[in-house]
Amino acid sequence: MRSSRVQSFIAGVLVANVAPHLATAVTGRRHLTPLAGRDSGPAANAVWAGLNLVAGVALLRRARQAGDAPADPRWNADLVAFETGALALAAWMAGTERFFPVNSKRD
């Protein structure tokens, strides 16, 4: 089903967004979040990472229920949609941070 692929894509975006915020929380740095703005500290980033993970997992479960064969334990095209969402976010983040640095200093 098309809706399950859209949900899987969005889930991929959300799950991929966990990585930079979790890394920020673990290393004690600052990174933009909607929770506390540009100077969001480790705690805000940990919460934001957790919210993204919960939302991404919930969407994946919903996509599976809406999919073609929810009882089948193997992935279908939803896996490609999930991976494409993760890749899209990673490419977007790398590109925007390279050309419009919000979270890093220019070397």
PDB file of N, CA and C in Angstrom:
ATOM      1  N   MET A   1       0.826  -1.184   0.000  1.00  0.00           N
ATOM      2  CA  MET A   1       0.000   0.000   0.000  1.00  0.00           C
ATOM      3  C   MET A   1       0.870   1.246   0.000  1.00  0.00           C
ATOM      4  N   ARG A   2       0.418   2.224  -0.686  1.00  0.00           N
ATOM      5  CA  ARG A   2       1.183   3.463  -0.798  1.00  0.00           C
ATOM      6  C   ARG A   2       1.289   4.182   0.542  1.00  0.00           C
ATOM      7  N   SER A   3       0.210   4.191   1.324  1.00  0.00           N
ATOM      8  CA  SER A   3       0.249   4.900   2.608  1.00  0.00           C
ATOM      9  C   SER A   3       1.275   4.279   3.549  1.00  0.00           C
ATOM     10  N   SER A   4       1.477   2.971   3.478  1.00  0.00           N
ATOM     11  CA  SER A   4       2.470   2.344   4.349  1.00  0.00           C
ATOM     12  C   SER A   4       3.879   2.767   3.936  1.00  0.00           C
ATOM     13  N   ARG A   5       4.103   3.001   2.656  1.00  0.00           N
ATOM     14  CA  ARG A   5       5.415   3.450   2.203  1.00  0.00           C
ATOM     15  C   ARG A   5       5.682   4.896   2.629  1.00  0.00           C
ATOM     16  N   VAL A   6       4.656   5.724   2.575  1.00  0.00           N
ATOM     17  CA  VAL A   6       4.804   7.115   3.025  1.00  0.00           C
ATOM     18  C   VAL A   6       5.108   7.132   4.524  1.00  0.00           C
ATOM     19  N   GLN A   7       4.389   6.329   5.284  1.00  0.00           N
ATOM     20  CA  GLN A   7       4.633   6.248   6.725  1.00  0.00           C
ATOM     21  C   GLN A   7       6.034   5.715   7.000  1.00  0.00           C
ATOM     22  N   SER A   8       6.465   4.745   6.230  1.00  0.00           N
ATOM     23  CA  SER A   8       7.811   4.189   6.405  1.00  0.00           C
ATOM     24  C   SER A   8       8.882   5.216   6.069  1.00  0.00           C
ATOM     25  N   PHE A   9       8.657   6.013   5.027  1.00  0.00           N
ATOM     26  CA  PHE A   9       9.597   7.075   4.662  1.00  0.00           C
ATOM     27  C   PHE A   9       9.729   8.088   5.806  1.00  0.00           C
ATOM     28  N   ILE A  10       8.601   8.544   6.320  1.00  0.00           N
ATOM     29  CA  ILE A  10       8.616   9.512   7.421  1.00  0.00           C
ATOM     30  C   ILE A  10       9.264   8.903   8.656  1.00  0.00           C
ATOM     31  N   ALA A  11       8.996   7.630   8.907  1.00  0.00           N
ATOM     32  CA  ALA A  11       9.642   6.945  10.031  1.00  0.00           C
ATOM     33  C   ALA A  11      11.155   6.928   9.854  1.00  0.00           C
ATOM     34  N   GLY A  12      11.619   6.716   8.635  1.00  0.00           N
ATOM     35  CA  GLY A  12      13.061   6.746   8.357  1.00  0.00           C
ATOM     36  C   GLY A  12      13.667   8.103   8.651  1.00  0.00           C
ATOM     37  N   VAL A  13      12.953   9.157   8.296  1.00  0.00           N
ATOM     38  CA  VAL A  13      13.415  10.519   8.591  1.00  0.00           C
ATOM     39  C   VAL A  13      13.523  10.708  10.103  1.00  0.00           C
ATOM     40  N   LEU A  14      12.479  10.312  10.825  1.00  0.00           N
ATOM     41  CA  LEU A  14      12.464  10.499  12.273  1.00  0.00           C
ATOM     42  C   LEU A  14      13.550   9.685  12.970  1.00  0.00           C
ATOM     43  N   VAL A  15      13.704   8.436  12.578  1.00  0.00           N
ATOM     44  CA  VAL A  15      14.707   7.584  13.215  1.00  0.00           C
ATOM     45  C   VAL A  15      16.120   8.084  12.895  1.00  0.00           C
ATOM     46  N   ALA A  16      16.347   8.551  11.675  1.00  0.00           N
ATOM     47  CA  ALA A  16      17.657   9.099  11.329  1.00  0.00           C
ATOM     48  C   ALA A  16      17.949  10.374  12.116  1.00  0.00           C
ATOM     49  N   ASN A  17      16.917  11.116  12.449  1.00  0.00           N
ATOM     50  CA  ASN A  17      17.103  12.347  13.210  1.00  0.00           C
ATOM     51  C   ASN A  17      17.494  12.074  14.660  1.00  0.00           C
ATOM     52  N   VAL A  18      17.352  10.861  15.105  1.00  0.00           N
ATOM     53  CA  VAL A  18      17.767  10.500  16.459  1.00  0.00           C
ATOM     54  C   VAL A  18      19.291  10.620  16.593  1.00  0.00           C
ATOM     55  N   ALA A  19      20.026  10.187  15.591  1.00  0.00           N
ATOM     56  CA  ALA A  19      21.489  10.088  15.683  1.00  0.00           C
ATOM     57  C   ALA A  19      22.180  11.402  16.063  1.00  0.00           C
ATOM     58  N   PRO A  20      21.942  12.520  15.359  1.00  0.00           N
ATOM     59  CA  PRO A  20      22.676  13.734  15.735  1.00  0.00           C
ATOM     60  C   PRO A  20      22.277  14.263  17.113  1.00  0.00           C
ATOM     61  N   HIS A  21      21.026  14.077  17.477  1.00  0.00           N
ATOM     62  CA  HIS A  21      20.579  14.579  18.779  1.00  0.00           C
ATOM     63  C   HIS A  21      21.078  13.687  19.913  1.00  0.00           C
ATOM     64  N   LEU A  22      21.122  12.408  19.679  1.00  0.00           N
ATOM     65  CA  LEU A  22      21.688  11.503  20.684  1.00  0.00           C
ATOM     66  C   LEU A  22      23.185  11.751  20.837  1.00  0.00           C
ATOM     67  N   ALA A  23      23.883  11.925  19.727  1.00  0.00           N
ATOM     68  CA  ALA A  23      25.321  12.229  19.780  1.00  0.00           C
ATOM     69  C   ALA A  23      25.567  13.539  20.525  1.00  0.00           C
ATOM     70  N   THR A  24      24.713  14.505  20.305  1.00  0.00           N
ATOM     71  CA  THR A  24      24.824  15.784  21.007  1.00  0.00           C
ATOM     72  C   THR A  24      24.636  15.596  22.504  1.00  0.00           C
ATOM     73  N   ALA A  25      23.630  14.817  22.875  1.00  0.00           N
ATOM     74  CA  ALA A  25      23.370  14.577  24.296  1.00  0.00           C
ATOM     75  C   ALA A  25      24.532  13.848  24.961  1.00  0.00           C
ATOM     76  N   VAL A  26      25.061  12.840  24.288  1.00  0.00           N
ATOM     77  CA  VAL A  26      26.146  12.032  24.854  1.00  0.00           C
ATOM     78  C   VAL A  26      27.437  12.838  24.998  1.00  0.00           C
ATOM     79  N   THR A  27      27.706  13.723  24.044  1.00  0.00           N
ATOM     80  CA  THR A  27      28.959  14.480  24.067  1.00  0.00           C
ATOM     81  C   THR A  27      28.852  15.809  24.801  1.00  0.00           C
ATOM     82  N   GLY A  28      27.650  16.145  25.279  1.00  0.00           N
ATOM     83  CA  GLY A  28      27.482  17.369  26.047  1.00  0.00           C
ATOM     84  C   GLY A  28      27.575  18.641  25.222  1.00  0.00           C
ATOM     85  N   ARG A  29      27.205  18.563  23.958  1.00  0.00           N
ATOM     86  CA  ARG A  29      27.279  19.732  23.079  1.00  0.00           C
ATOM     87  C   ARG A  29      25.912  20.402  22.957  1.00  0.00           C
ATOM     88  N   ARG A  30      25.822  21.348  22.063  1.00  0.00           N
ATOM     89  CA  ARG A  30      24.564  22.055  21.796  1.00  0.00           C
ATOM     90  C   ARG A  30      24.166  21.814  20.340  1.00  0.00           C
ATOM     91  N   HIS A  31      22.856  21.708  20.122  1.00  0.00           N
ATOM     92  CA  HIS A  31      22.335  21.431  18.788  1.00  0.00           C
ATOM     93  C   HIS A  31      20.896  21.924  18.756  1.00  0.00           C
ATOM     94  N   LEU A  32      20.503  22.526  17.672  1.00  0.00           N
ATOM     95  CA  LEU A  32      19.164  23.069  17.505  1.00  0.00           C
ATOM     96  C   LEU A  32      18.078  22.009  17.697  1.00  0.00           C
ATOM     97  N   THR A  33      17.086  22.318  18.522  1.00  0.00           N
ATOM     98  CA  THR A  33      15.874  21.501  18.633  1.00  0.00           C
ATOM     99  C   THR A  33      14.677  22.435  18.673  1.00  0.00           C
ATOM    100  N   PRO A  34      13.499  21.951  18.327  1.00  0.00           N
ATOM    101  CA  PRO A  34      12.293  22.768  18.481  1.00  0.00           C
ATOM    102  C   PRO A  34      11.933  22.982  19.957  1.00  0.00           C
ATOM    103  N   LEU A  35      12.512  22.207  20.833  1.00  0.00           N
ATOM    104  CA  LEU A  35      12.181  22.306  22.251  1.00  0.00           C
ATOM    105  C   LEU A  35      12.813  23.513  22.926  1.00  0.00           C
ATOM    106  N   ALA A  36      14.056  23.822  22.589  1.00  0.00           N
ATOM    107  CA  ALA A  36      14.766  24.900  23.278  1.00  0.00           C
ATOM    108  C   ALA A  36      15.568  25.794  22.330  1.00  0.00           C
ATOM    109  N   GLY A  37      15.332  25.689  21.051  1.00  0.00           N
ATOM    110  CA  GLY A  37      15.986  26.572  20.102  1.00  0.00           C
ATOM    111  C   GLY A  37      17.418  26.190  19.758  1.00  0.00           C
ATOM    112  N   ARG A  38      18.127  27.170  19.247  1.00  0.00           N
ATOM    113  CA  ARG A  38      19.472  26.957  18.718  1.00  0.00           C
ATOM    114  C   ARG A  38      20.472  26.486  19.766  1.00  0.00           C
ATOM    115  N   ASP A  39      20.334  26.946  20.979  1.00  0.00           N
ATOM    116  CA  ASP A  39      21.282  26.583  22.028  1.00  0.00           C
ATOM    117  C   ASP A  39      20.780  25.443  22.907  1.00  0.00           C
ATOM    118  N   SER A  40      20.031  24.533  22.330  1.00  0.00           N
ATOM    119  CA  SER A  40      19.528  23.383  23.093  1.00  0.00           C
ATOM    120  C   SER A  40      20.687  22.560  23.623  1.00  0.00           C
ATOM    121  N   GLY A  41      20.674  22.311  24.906  1.00  0.00           N
ATOM    122  CA  GLY A  41      21.735  21.544  25.539  1.00  0.00           C
ATOM    123  C   GLY A  41      21.499  20.046  25.458  1.00  0.00           C
ATOM    124  N   PRO A  42      22.328  19.287  26.156  1.00  0.00           N
ATOM    125  CA  PRO A  42      22.248  17.832  26.111  1.00  0.00           C
ATOM    126  C   PRO A  42      20.892  17.268  26.541  1.00  0.00           C
ATOM    127  N   ALA A  43      20.291  17.817  27.580  1.00  0.00           N
ATOM    128  CA  ALA A  43      19.009  17.282  28.054  1.00  0.00           C
ATOM    129  C   ALA A  43      17.910  17.463  27.014  1.00  0.00           C
ATOM    130  N   ALA A  44      17.823  18.651  26.437  1.00  0.00           N
ATOM    131  CA  ALA A  44      16.812  18.899  25.406  1.00  0.00           C
ATOM    132  C   ALA A  44      17.044  17.995  24.200  1.00  0.00           C
ATOM    133  N   ASN A  45      18.303  17.778  23.845  1.00  0.00           N
ATOM    134  CA  ASN A  45      18.613  16.901  22.714  1.00  0.00           C
ATOM    135  C   ASN A  45      18.277  15.448  23.011  1.00  0.00           C
ATOM    136  N   ALA A  46      18.495  15.014  24.248  1.00  0.00           N
ATOM    137  CA  ALA A  46      18.130  13.643  24.621  1.00  0.00           C
ATOM    138  C   ALA A  46      16.617  13.452  24.537  1.00  0.00           C
ATOM    139  N   VAL A  47      15.875  14.434  25.022  1.00  0.00           N
ATOM    140  CA  VAL A  47      14.408  14.356  24.949  1.00  0.00           C
ATOM    141  C   VAL A  47      13.955  14.362  23.497  1.00  0.00           C
ATOM    142  N   TRP A  48      14.538  15.242  22.686  1.00  0.00           N
ATOM    143  CA  TRP A  48      14.147  15.319  21.272  1.00  0.00           C
ATOM    144  C   TRP A  48      14.493  14.013  20.537  1.00  0.00           C
ATOM    145  N   ALA A  49      15.636  13.436  20.831  1.00  0.00           N
ATOM    146  CA  ALA A  49      15.999  12.146  20.232  1.00  0.00           C
ATOM    147  C   ALA A  49      14.983  11.086  20.625  1.00  0.00           C
ATOM    148  N   GLY A  50      14.613  11.065  21.894  1.00  0.00           N
ATOM    149  CA  GLY A  50      13.626  10.089  22.360  1.00  0.00           C
ATOM    150  C   GLY A  50      12.273  10.266  21.693  1.00  0.00           C
ATOM    151  N   LEU A  51      11.835  11.509  21.546  1.00  0.00           N
ATOM    152  CA  LEU A  51      10.556  11.766  20.887  1.00  0.00           C
ATOM    153  C   LEU A  51      10.587  11.323  19.430  1.00  0.00           C
ATOM    154  N   ASN A  52      11.692  11.588  18.747  1.00  0.00           N
ATOM    155  CA  ASN A  52      11.827  11.151  17.350  1.00  0.00           C
ATOM    156  C   ASN A  52      11.812   9.635  17.241  1.00  0.00           C
ATOM    157  N   LEU A  53      12.485   8.966  18.164  1.00  0.00           N
ATOM    158  CA  LEU A  53      12.526   7.506  18.133  1.00  0.00           C
ATOM    159  C   LEU A  53      11.145   6.915  18.379  1.00  0.00           C
ATOM    160  N   VAL A  54      10.448   7.413  19.376  1.00  0.00           N
ATOM    161  CA  VAL A  54       9.105   6.910  19.684  1.00  0.00           C
ATOM    162  C   VAL A  54       8.165   7.140  18.497  1.00  0.00           C
ATOM    163  N   ALA A  55       8.203   8.332  17.927  1.00  0.00           N
ATOM    164  CA  ALA A  55       7.337   8.627  16.784  1.00  0.00           C
ATOM    165  C   ALA A  55       7.688   7.765  15.576  1.00  0.00           C
ATOM    166  N   GLY A  56       8.977   7.581  15.310  1.00  0.00           N
ATOM    167  CA  GLY A  56       9.398   6.753  14.179  1.00  0.00           C
ATOM    168  C   GLY A  56       8.971   5.303  14.343  1.00  0.00           C
ATOM    169  N   VAL A  57       9.151   4.761  15.532  1.00  0.00           N
ATOM    170  CA  VAL A  57       8.748   3.372  15.796  1.00  0.00           C
ATOM    171  C   VAL A  57       7.230   3.222  15.693  1.00  0.00           C
ATOM    172  N   ALA A  58       6.501   4.190  16.210  1.00  0.00           N
ATOM    173  CA  ALA A  58       5.037   4.135  16.123  1.00  0.00           C
ATOM    174  C   ALA A  58       4.577   4.150  14.664  1.00  0.00           C
ATOM    175  N   LEU A  59       5.214   4.984  13.847  1.00  0.00           N
ATOM    176  CA  LEU A  59       4.865   5.021  12.425  1.00  0.00           C
ATOM    177  C   LEU A  59       5.205   3.708  11.724  1.00  0.00           C
ATOM    178  N   LEU A  60       6.334   3.116  12.074  1.00  0.00           N
ATOM    179  CA  LEU A  60       6.691   1.827  11.473  1.00  0.00           C
ATOM    180  C   LEU A  60       5.668   0.756  11.813  1.00  0.00           C
ATOM    181  N   ARG A  61       5.238   0.737  13.055  1.00  0.00           N
ATOM    182  CA  ARG A  61       4.229  -0.258  13.456  1.00  0.00           C
ATOM    183  C   ARG A  61       2.917  -0.016  12.723  1.00  0.00           C
ATOM    184  N   ARG A  62       2.558   1.253  12.588  1.00  0.00           N
ATOM    185  CA  ARG A  62       1.322   1.596  11.880  1.00  0.00           C
ATOM    186  C   ARG A  62       1.431   1.230  10.401  1.00  0.00           C
ATOM    187  N   ALA A  63       2.594   1.485   9.815  1.00  0.00           N
ATOM    188  CA  ALA A  63       2.810   1.151   8.406  1.00  0.00           C
ATOM    189  C   ALA A  63       2.707  -0.354   8.188  1.00  0.00           C
ATOM    190  N   ARG A  64       3.226  -1.114   9.131  1.00  0.00           N
ATOM    191  CA  ARG A  64       3.147  -2.574   8.999  1.00  0.00           C
ATOM    192  C   ARG A  64       1.701  -3.042   9.029  1.00  0.00           C
ATOM    193  N   GLN A  65       0.907  -2.463   9.895  1.00  0.00           N
ATOM    194  CA  GLN A  65      -0.504  -2.834   9.983  1.00  0.00           C
ATOM    195  C   GLN A  65      -1.271  -2.436   8.723  1.00  0.00           C
ATOM    196  N   ALA A  66      -0.833  -1.347   8.073  1.00  0.00           N
ATOM    197  CA  ALA A  66      -1.501  -0.876   6.864  1.00  0.00           C
ATOM    198  C   ALA A  66      -0.944  -1.536   5.607  1.00  0.00           C
ATOM    199  N   GLY A  67       0.135  -2.284   5.734  1.00  0.00           N
ATOM    200  CA  GLY A  67       0.815  -2.868   4.576  1.00  0.00           C
ATOM    201  C   GLY A  67       0.041  -3.971   3.899  1.00  0.00           C
ATOM    202  N   ASP A  68       0.654  -4.488   2.841  1.00  0.00           N
ATOM    203  CA  ASP A  68       0.025  -5.516   2.015  1.00  0.00           C
ATOM    204  C   ASP A  68      -0.188  -6.821   2.759  1.00  0.00           C
ATOM    205  N   ALA A  69       0.791  -7.240   3.539  1.00  0.00           N
ATOM    206  CA  ALA A  69       0.702  -8.524   4.240  1.00  0.00           C
ATOM    207  C   ALA A  69       1.260  -8.363   5.656  1.00  0.00           C
ATOM    208  N   PRO A  70       0.486  -7.759   6.571  1.00  0.00           N
ATOM    209  CA  PRO A  70       1.013  -7.481   7.907  1.00  0.00           C
ATOM    210  C   PRO A  70       1.432  -8.728   8.687  1.00  0.00           C
ATOM    211  N   ALA A  71       0.938  -9.881   8.315  1.00  0.00           N
ATOM    212  CA  ALA A  71       1.309 -11.105   9.037  1.00  0.00           C
ATOM    213  C   ALA A  71       2.659 -11.661   8.567  1.00  0.00           C
ATOM    214  N   ASP A  72       3.138 -11.205   7.417  1.00  0.00           N
ATOM    215  CA  ASP A  72       4.410 -11.685   6.870  1.00  0.00           C
ATOM    216  C   ASP A  72       5.561 -11.069   7.669  1.00  0.00           C
ATOM    217  N   PRO A  73       6.478 -11.876   8.212  1.00  0.00           N
ATOM    218  CA  PRO A  73       7.563 -11.324   9.027  1.00  0.00           C
ATOM    219  C   PRO A  73       8.679 -10.661   8.217  1.00  0.00           C
ATOM    220  N   ARG A  74       8.665 -10.823   6.905  1.00  0.00           N
ATOM    221  CA  ARG A  74       9.723 -10.226   6.082  1.00  0.00           C
ATOM    222  C   ARG A  74       9.320  -8.824   5.633  1.00  0.00           C
ATOM    223  N   TRP A  75      10.324  -7.980   5.384  1.00  0.00           N
ATOM    224  CA  TRP A  75      10.083  -6.637   4.875  1.00  0.00           C
ATOM    225  C   TRP A  75       9.539  -6.703   3.457  1.00  0.00           C
ATOM    226  N   ASN A  76       8.831  -5.670   3.065  1.00  0.00           N
ATOM    227  CA  ASN A  76       8.430  -5.485   1.677  1.00  0.00           C
ATOM    228  C   ASN A  76       9.044  -4.161   1.213  1.00  0.00           C
ATOM    229  N   ALA A  77       8.420  -3.472   0.297  1.00  0.00           N
ATOM    230  CA  ALA A  77       8.966  -2.208  -0.212  1.00  0.00           C
ATOM    231  C   ALA A  77       9.014  -1.123   0.863  1.00  0.00           C
ATOM    232  N   ASP A  78       8.379  -1.351   1.990  1.00  0.00           N
ATOM    233  CA  ASP A  78       8.451  -0.387   3.088  1.00  0.00           C
ATOM    234  C   ASP A  78       9.886  -0.210   3.587  1.00  0.00           C
ATOM    235  N   LEU A  79      10.712  -1.255   3.490  1.00  0.00           N
ATOM    236  CA  LEU A  79      12.106  -1.134   3.921  1.00  0.00           C
ATOM    237  C   LEU A  79      12.853  -0.127   3.057  1.00  0.00           C
ATOM    238  N   VAL A  80      12.631  -0.178   1.766  1.00  0.00           N
ATOM    239  CA  VAL A  80      13.276   0.778   0.859  1.00  0.00           C
ATOM    240  C   VAL A  80      12.782   2.192   1.167  1.00  0.00           C
ATOM    241  N   ALA A  81      11.496   2.332   1.442  1.00  0.00           N
ATOM    242  CA  ALA A  81      10.952   3.647   1.790  1.00  0.00           C
ATOM    243  C   ALA A  81      11.562   4.165   3.089  1.00  0.00           C
ATOM    244  N   PHE A  82      11.701   3.294   4.085  1.00  0.00           N
ATOM    245  CA  PHE A  82      12.322   3.670   5.359  1.00  0.00           C
ATOM    246  C   PHE A  82      13.767   4.110   5.139  1.00  0.00           C
ATOM    247  N   GLU A  83      14.523   3.322   4.406  1.00  0.00           N
ATOM    248  CA  GLU A  83      15.930   3.644   4.146  1.00  0.00           C
ATOM    249  C   GLU A  83      16.071   4.926   3.327  1.00  0.00           C
ATOM    250  N   THR A  84      15.155   5.151   2.401  1.00  0.00           N
ATOM    251  CA  THR A  84      15.183   6.375   1.603  1.00  0.00           C
ATOM    252  C   THR A  84      14.920   7.594   2.483  1.00  0.00           C
ATOM    253  N   GLY A  85      14.009   7.460   3.428  1.00  0.00           N
ATOM    254  CA  GLY A  85      13.756   8.555   4.370  1.00  0.00           C
ATOM    255  C   GLY A  85      14.975   8.864   5.213  1.00  0.00           C
ATOM    256  N   ALA A  86      15.637   7.822   5.704  1.00  0.00           N
ATOM    257  CA  ALA A  86      16.852   8.018   6.503  1.00  0.00           C
ATOM    258  C   ALA A  86      17.948   8.673   5.663  1.00  0.00           C
ATOM    259  N   LEU A  87      18.123   8.217   4.440  1.00  0.00           N
ATOM    260  CA  LEU A  87      19.132   8.785   3.541  1.00  0.00           C
ATOM    261  C   LEU A  87      18.809  10.235   3.199  1.00  0.00           C
ATOM    262  N   ALA A  88      17.539  10.525   2.943  1.00  0.00           N
ATOM    263  CA  ALA A  88      17.133  11.894   2.603  1.00  0.00           C
ATOM    264  C   ALA A  88      17.455  12.847   3.747  1.00  0.00           C
ATOM    265  N   LEU A  89      17.167  12.450   4.973  1.00  0.00           N
ATOM    266  CA  LEU A  89      17.471  13.326   6.104  1.00  0.00           C
ATOM    267  C   LEU A  89      18.972  13.501   6.264  1.00  0.00           C
ATOM    268  N   ALA A  90      19.721  12.426   6.149  1.00  0.00           N
ATOM    269  CA  ALA A  90      21.174  12.517   6.306  1.00  0.00           C
ATOM    270  C   ALA A  90      21.772  13.447   5.248  1.00  0.00           C
ATOM    271  N   ALA A  91      21.339  13.317   4.014  1.00  0.00           N
ATOM    272  CA  ALA A  91      21.858  14.175   2.940  1.00  0.00           C
ATOM    273  C   ALA A  91      21.454  15.629   3.171  1.00  0.00           C
ATOM    274  N   TRP A  92      20.216  15.847   3.575  1.00  0.00           N
ATOM    275  CA  TRP A  92      19.743  17.201   3.828  1.00  0.00           C
ATOM    276  C   TRP A  92      20.523  17.835   4.978  1.00  0.00           C
ATOM    277  N   MET A  93      20.711  17.106   6.055  1.00  0.00           N
ATOM    278  CA  MET A  93      21.442  17.630   7.214  1.00  0.00           C
ATOM    279  C   MET A  93      22.899  17.938   6.848  1.00  0.00           C
ATOM    280  N   ALA A  94      23.548  17.030   6.145  1.00  0.00           N
ATOM    281  CA  ALA A  94      24.942  17.256   5.764  1.00  0.00           C
ATOM    282  C   ALA A  94      25.060  18.472   4.850  1.00  0.00           C
ATOM    283  N   GLY A  95      24.155  18.587   3.892  1.00  0.00           N
ATOM    284  CA  GLY A  95      24.198  19.714   2.963  1.00  0.00           C
ATOM    285  C   GLY A  95      23.913  21.040   3.643  1.00  0.00           C
ATOM    286  N   THR A  96      22.875  21.086   4.451  1.00  0.00           N
ATOM    287  CA  THR A  96      22.547  22.358   5.100  1.00  0.00           C
ATOM    288  C   THR A  96      23.611  22.747   6.116  1.00  0.00           C
ATOM    289  N   GLU A  97      24.152  21.783   6.824  1.00  0.00           N
ATOM    290  CA  GLU A  97      25.186  22.107   7.809  1.00  0.00           C
ATOM    291  C   GLU A  97      26.477  22.548   7.119  1.00  0.00           C
ATOM    292  N   ARG A  98      26.721  22.029   5.952  1.00  0.00           N
ATOM    293  CA  ARG A  98      27.929  22.417   5.204  1.00  0.00           C
ATOM    294  C   ARG A  98      27.820  23.842   4.680  1.00  0.00           C
ATOM    295  N   PHE A  99      26.656  24.179   4.113  1.00  0.00           N
ATOM    296  CA  PHE A  99      26.504  25.473   3.456  1.00  0.00           C
ATOM    297  C   PHE A  99      25.828  26.540   4.321  1.00  0.00           C
ATOM    298  N   PHE A 100      25.053  26.132   5.307  1.00  0.00           N
ATOM    299  CA  PHE A 100      24.373  27.059   6.210  1.00  0.00           C
ATOM    300  C   PHE A 100      24.534  26.562   7.644  1.00  0.00           C
ATOM    301  N   PRO A 101      25.748  26.618   8.186  1.00  0.00           N
ATOM    302  CA  PRO A 101      25.993  26.014   9.496  1.00  0.00           C
ATOM    303  C   PRO A 101      25.181  26.673  10.616  1.00  0.00           C
ATOM    304  N   VAL A 102      24.354  25.898  11.229  1.00  0.00           N
ATOM    305  CA  VAL A 102      23.552  26.358  12.351  1.00  0.00           C
ATOM    306  C   VAL A 102      24.103  25.754  13.640  1.00  0.00           C
ATOM    307  N   ASN A 103      24.579  24.530  13.551  1.00  0.00           N
ATOM    308  CA  ASN A 103      25.008  23.797  14.733  1.00  0.00           C
ATOM    309  C   ASN A 103      26.518  23.699  14.886  1.00  0.00           C
ATOM    310  N   SER A 104      27.260  24.136  13.902  1.00  0.00           N
ATOM    311  CA  SER A 104      28.713  23.987  13.969  1.00  0.00           C
ATOM    312  C   SER A 104      29.400  25.288  13.600  1.00  0.00           C
ATOM    313  N   LYS A 105      30.640  25.401  14.022  1.00  0.00           N
ATOM    314  CA  LYS A 105      31.465  26.537  13.638  1.00  0.00           C
ATOM    315  C   LYS A 105      32.124  26.214  12.319  1.00  0.00           C
ATOM    316  N   ARG A 106      32.319  27.219  11.522  1.00  0.00           N
ATOM    317  CA  ARG A 106      33.026  27.013  10.266  1.00  0.00           C
ATOM    318  C   ARG A 106      34.508  26.913  10.538  1.00  0.00           C
ATOM    319  N   ASP A 107      35.154  25.897   9.991  1.00  0.00           N
ATOM    320  CA  ASP A 107      36.606  25.722  10.174  1.00  0.00           C
ATOM    321  C   ASP A 107      37.375  26.592   9.221  1.00  0.00           C
TER     322      ASP A 107
END
